[in-house]
N, C-alpha and C. Protein backbone atom coordinates (compact mmCIF):
# COMPACT_ATOMS: atom_id res chain seq x y z
N MET A 1 4.70 0.11 6.58
CA MET A 1 4.06 0.66 5.36
C MET A 1 4.15 0.14 4.16
N ALA A 2 5.44 -0.23 3.43
CA ALA A 2 5.54 -0.72 2.33
C ALA A 2 4.76 -1.78 2.03
N GLN A 3 5.11 -2.88 3.24
CA GLN A 3 4.06 -3.99 2.90
C GLN A 3 3.13 -3.94 2.54
N PHE A 4 2.28 -3.03 3.54
CA PHE A 4 1.00 -2.86 3.42
C PHE A 4 0.56 -2.26 1.89
N LEU A 5 1.30 -1.25 1.40
CA LEU A 5 1.12 -0.80 0.22
C LEU A 5 1.32 -1.79 -0.98
N ALA A 6 2.17 -2.70 -0.60
CA ALA A 6 2.49 -3.73 -1.64
C ALA A 6 1.28 -4.76 -1.67
N ALA A 7 0.68 -4.98 -0.48
CA ALA A 7 -0.48 -5.93 -0.28
C ALA A 7 -1.76 -5.65 -1.06
N GLY A 8 -1.62 -4.11 -0.79
CA GLY A 8 -2.92 -3.57 -1.38
C GLY A 8 -2.64 -3.33 -2.96
N ALA A 9 -1.63 -2.96 -3.34
CA ALA A 9 -1.55 -3.09 -5.12
C ALA A 9 -1.58 -4.83 -5.54
N LYS A 10 -1.14 -5.71 -4.84
CA LYS A 10 -1.41 -6.75 -5.23
C LYS A 10 -2.95 -7.24 -5.13
N ALA A 11 -3.60 -6.84 -4.25
CA ALA A 11 -5.27 -7.15 -4.03
C ALA A 11 -5.92 -6.45 -5.10
N LEU A 12 -5.56 -5.29 -5.69
CA LEU A 12 -6.20 -4.45 -6.66
C LEU A 12 -5.92 -5.12 -8.06
N ARG A 13 -4.51 -5.72 -8.31
CA ARG A 13 -4.30 -6.43 -9.24
C ARG A 13 -5.13 -7.50 -9.35
N LEU A 14 -5.25 -8.39 -8.33
CA LEU A 14 -6.26 -9.63 -8.73
C LEU A 14 -7.42 -9.15 -8.87
N ILE A 15 -8.09 -7.98 -8.23
CA ILE A 15 -9.35 -7.84 -8.34
C ILE A 15 -9.79 -7.77 -9.93
N GLU A 16 -8.85 -7.04 -10.49
CA GLU A 16 -8.89 -6.35 -11.58
C GLU A 16 -8.75 -7.81 -12.65
N GLY A 17 -8.17 -8.76 -12.42
CA GLY A 17 -8.04 -9.99 -12.73
C GLY A 17 -6.73 -10.20 -13.55
N TRP A 18 -5.69 -9.06 -13.18
CA TRP A 18 -4.42 -8.92 -14.10
C TRP A 18 -3.45 -9.88 -13.67
N THR A 19 -2.43 -10.19 -14.59
CA THR A 19 -1.49 -11.11 -14.11
C THR A 19 -0.20 -9.99 -13.96
N ARG A 20 0.91 -10.67 -13.07
CA ARG A 20 2.04 -9.56 -13.00
C ARG A 20 2.47 -9.09 -14.22
N ALA A 21 2.50 -9.74 -15.20
CA ALA A 21 3.09 -9.02 -16.37
C ALA A 21 2.04 -8.13 -17.14
N SER A 22 0.82 -8.24 -17.02
CA SER A 22 -0.16 -7.29 -17.49
C SER A 22 -0.17 -5.75 -17.08
N LEU A 23 0.05 -6.14 -15.33
CA LEU A 23 0.18 -4.79 -14.57
C LEU A 23 1.45 -4.17 -15.11
N ALA A 24 2.67 -4.81 -14.95
CA ALA A 24 3.59 -4.41 -15.51
C ALA A 24 3.95 -3.63 -16.61
N GLU A 25 3.27 -4.19 -17.53
CA GLU A 25 3.03 -3.58 -18.88
C GLU A 25 2.32 -2.37 -19.05
N ARG A 26 1.05 -2.04 -18.12
CA ARG A 26 0.42 -1.10 -18.24
C ARG A 26 1.04 -0.03 -17.43
N ALA A 27 1.85 -0.50 -16.45
CA ALA A 27 2.79 0.54 -15.48
C ALA A 27 3.84 1.18 -16.13
N GLY A 28 4.45 0.22 -16.93
CA GLY A 28 5.69 0.46 -17.84
C GLY A 28 7.02 0.49 -16.73
N VAL A 29 6.66 -0.67 -16.10
CA VAL A 29 7.60 -1.29 -15.11
C VAL A 29 8.02 -2.83 -15.79
N SER A 30 9.28 -3.48 -14.93
CA SER A 30 9.50 -4.55 -15.45
C SER A 30 8.76 -5.48 -14.54
N VAL A 31 8.50 -6.88 -15.04
CA VAL A 31 7.75 -7.75 -14.18
C VAL A 31 8.80 -8.11 -12.81
N ALA A 32 10.03 -8.22 -12.99
CA ALA A 32 10.71 -8.63 -11.73
C ALA A 32 10.55 -7.53 -10.90
N SER A 33 10.37 -6.06 -11.01
CA SER A 33 10.66 -5.11 -9.97
C SER A 33 8.95 -5.16 -9.37
N LEU A 34 8.03 -5.14 -10.25
CA LEU A 34 6.60 -5.46 -9.64
C LEU A 34 6.52 -6.65 -8.64
N LYS A 35 7.27 -7.72 -9.28
CA LYS A 35 7.32 -8.90 -8.19
C LYS A 35 7.97 -8.72 -6.59
N ARG A 36 8.99 -8.31 -7.01
CA ARG A 36 9.79 -7.72 -5.93
C ARG A 36 8.86 -6.55 -4.86
N PHE A 37 8.29 -5.71 -5.52
CA PHE A 37 7.42 -4.94 -4.56
C PHE A 37 6.24 -5.56 -4.13
N GLU A 38 5.60 -6.58 -4.80
CA GLU A 38 4.55 -7.38 -4.18
C GLU A 38 5.05 -8.13 -3.20
N THR A 39 6.06 -8.85 -3.15
CA THR A 39 6.71 -9.78 -2.09
C THR A 39 7.49 -9.36 -1.02
N THR A 40 7.97 -8.14 -1.19
CA THR A 40 8.97 -7.60 -0.09
C THR A 40 8.62 -6.20 0.43
N GLY A 41 7.74 -5.42 -0.63
CA GLY A 41 7.46 -4.21 -0.44
C GLY A 41 8.66 -3.32 -0.72
N LYS A 42 9.61 -3.59 -1.32
CA LYS A 42 10.89 -2.82 -1.80
C LYS A 42 10.45 -2.29 -2.90
N ALA A 43 10.64 -0.90 -3.12
CA ALA A 43 10.60 -0.45 -4.46
C ALA A 43 10.81 1.06 -4.43
N SER A 44 11.09 1.61 -5.58
CA SER A 44 11.27 2.92 -5.62
C SER A 44 9.82 3.93 -5.50
N LEU A 45 10.12 5.09 -5.42
CA LEU A 45 8.77 6.15 -5.00
C LEU A 45 8.34 5.89 -6.71
N GLU A 46 9.22 5.92 -7.65
CA GLU A 46 8.71 6.20 -8.99
C GLU A 46 7.98 4.77 -9.15
N LEU A 47 8.63 3.80 -9.20
CA LEU A 47 7.77 2.64 -9.66
C LEU A 47 6.43 2.53 -8.69
N VAL A 48 6.29 2.61 -7.24
CA VAL A 48 5.09 2.85 -6.51
C VAL A 48 3.85 3.79 -7.40
N LEU A 49 4.34 4.76 -7.53
CA LEU A 49 3.52 5.85 -8.50
C LEU A 49 3.40 5.31 -9.72
N LYS A 50 3.87 4.56 -10.50
CA LYS A 50 3.85 4.14 -11.76
C LYS A 50 2.66 3.06 -11.51
N ILE A 51 2.75 2.16 -10.52
CA ILE A 51 1.67 1.10 -10.29
C ILE A 51 0.59 1.85 -9.98
N ALA A 52 0.67 2.26 -8.87
CA ALA A 52 -0.88 3.39 -8.29
C ALA A 52 -1.51 3.94 -9.64
N HIS A 53 -0.71 4.44 -10.70
CA HIS A 53 -1.53 5.14 -11.86
C HIS A 53 -2.19 4.00 -12.67
N ALA A 54 -1.38 3.04 -12.86
CA ALA A 54 -1.96 2.08 -13.94
C ALA A 54 -3.27 1.23 -12.96
N LEU A 55 -3.31 1.46 -11.79
CA LEU A 55 -4.56 0.94 -10.95
C LEU A 55 -5.40 1.84 -10.82
N GLY A 56 -5.25 3.22 -11.21
CA GLY A 56 -6.37 4.21 -11.10
C GLY A 56 -6.14 4.58 -9.48
N ARG A 57 -5.51 4.79 -9.11
CA ARG A 57 -5.19 5.02 -7.63
C ARG A 57 -4.31 6.24 -7.39
N LEU A 58 -3.67 6.76 -8.47
CA LEU A 58 -2.66 7.84 -8.04
C LEU A 58 -3.29 8.94 -7.19
N ASP A 59 -4.49 9.28 -7.66
CA ASP A 59 -4.99 10.30 -6.77
C ASP A 59 -4.90 10.40 -5.28
N GLU A 60 -4.94 8.85 -4.86
CA GLU A 60 -4.89 8.80 -3.40
C GLU A 60 -3.27 9.46 -2.78
N PHE A 61 -2.42 9.55 -3.55
CA PHE A 61 -1.27 10.29 -3.13
C PHE A 61 -1.26 11.79 -2.79
N ASP A 62 -2.36 12.25 -3.27
CA ASP A 62 -2.22 13.82 -3.17
C ASP A 62 -2.37 14.39 -1.82
N LYS A 63 -2.61 13.74 -0.91
CA LYS A 63 -2.57 14.18 0.43
C LYS A 63 -1.43 13.79 1.40
N LEU A 64 -0.65 13.17 0.85
CA LEU A 64 0.05 12.16 1.27
C LEU A 64 1.32 13.31 1.52
N LEU A 65 1.82 13.70 2.76
CA LEU A 65 2.94 14.71 3.22
C LEU A 65 2.36 15.96 2.81
N LYS A 66 1.18 16.21 2.94
CA LYS A 66 0.48 17.70 2.70
C LYS A 66 0.55 18.46 3.69
N PRO A 67 1.28 19.74 3.57
CA PRO A 67 1.13 20.25 5.22
C PRO A 67 -0.39 20.70 5.53
N PRO A 68 -0.82 21.14 7.03
CA PRO A 68 -1.98 20.94 7.07
C PRO A 68 -2.50 22.79 6.72
N GLN A 69 -3.69 22.85 6.49
CA GLN A 69 -4.35 23.92 6.55
C GLN A 69 -4.04 24.82 7.55
N ALA A 70 -3.80 26.39 7.12
CA ALA A 70 -4.14 27.41 8.23
C ALA A 70 -5.32 27.38 9.00
N GLN A 71 -5.54 27.23 10.45
CA GLN A 71 -6.64 27.52 11.43
C GLN A 71 -6.94 28.65 11.85
N SER A 72 -5.74 29.32 11.67
CA SER A 72 -5.90 30.82 12.27
C SER A 72 -5.01 31.51 11.52
N LEU A 73 -5.06 32.83 11.75
CA LEU A 73 -4.50 34.16 11.04
C LEU A 73 -3.05 33.95 11.25
N ALA A 74 -2.79 33.57 12.59
CA ALA A 74 -1.40 33.25 13.16
C ALA A 74 -0.57 31.89 12.21
N ASP A 75 -1.61 30.84 11.99
CA ASP A 75 -0.78 29.71 11.18
C ASP A 75 -0.67 30.55 9.76
N LEU A 76 -1.51 31.12 9.49
CA LEU A 76 -1.38 31.66 7.96
C LEU A 76 -0.17 32.16 7.71
N GLU A 77 0.05 33.04 8.69
CA GLU A 77 1.25 34.09 8.78
C GLU A 77 2.57 33.18 8.87
N LYS A 78 2.52 32.24 9.74
CA LYS A 78 3.68 31.14 10.14
C LYS A 78 3.99 30.44 8.88
N GLN A 79 2.96 30.19 8.00
CA GLN A 79 3.18 29.25 6.93
C GLN A 79 4.02 30.21 5.85
N THR A 80 3.41 31.59 5.74
CA THR A 80 3.82 32.30 4.59
C THR A 80 5.20 32.71 5.08
N MET A 81 5.78 32.89 6.42
CA MET A 81 6.96 33.06 6.79
C MET A 81 7.77 32.12 6.24
N GLN A 82 7.62 31.04 6.40
CA GLN A 82 8.23 29.42 6.16
C GLN A 82 8.39 29.30 4.74
N ARG A 83 7.51 29.86 3.94
CA ARG A 83 7.57 29.61 2.35
C ARG A 83 8.65 30.90 2.01
N LEU A 84 8.43 31.75 2.76
CA LEU A 84 9.94 32.78 2.48
C LEU A 84 11.15 32.54 2.66
N ARG A 85 11.39 31.89 3.97
CA ARG A 85 12.67 31.53 4.17
C ARG A 85 13.43 30.27 3.40
N LYS A 86 12.69 29.62 2.66
CA LYS A 86 12.67 28.49 1.97
C LYS A 86 13.67 27.21 2.60
N ARG A 87 13.86 27.46 3.80
CA ARG A 87 14.60 26.45 4.44
C ARG A 87 14.35 26.13 6.01
N GLY A 88 14.16 25.21 6.49
CA GLY A 88 13.67 24.91 8.05
C GLY A 88 14.60 25.32 8.74
N SER A 89 14.02 25.25 10.14
CA SER A 89 15.02 25.55 11.03
C SER A 89 15.42 24.34 11.89
N ARG A 90 16.38 24.75 12.63
CA ARG A 90 17.04 23.52 13.20
C ARG A 90 16.15 23.28 14.79
């Protein structure tokens, strides 16, 4: 998945006609960090989010790891109870 994200970021950068240096500047990251991400997929979440923001794609992360919506009253009650507990169960 990391390499998939890196390849997508690189493709979007090239579509924009930006060099690594220009994207790095727009994202507020170092060129070395951007190069490492593009070539290996290794990066911090913060770096990936900065790059996504610079590429105009940050809004695509809003659904990532989002809990599903309740489909029934029982689901809604279960979600409410989980929020009240503050911790997961084993």
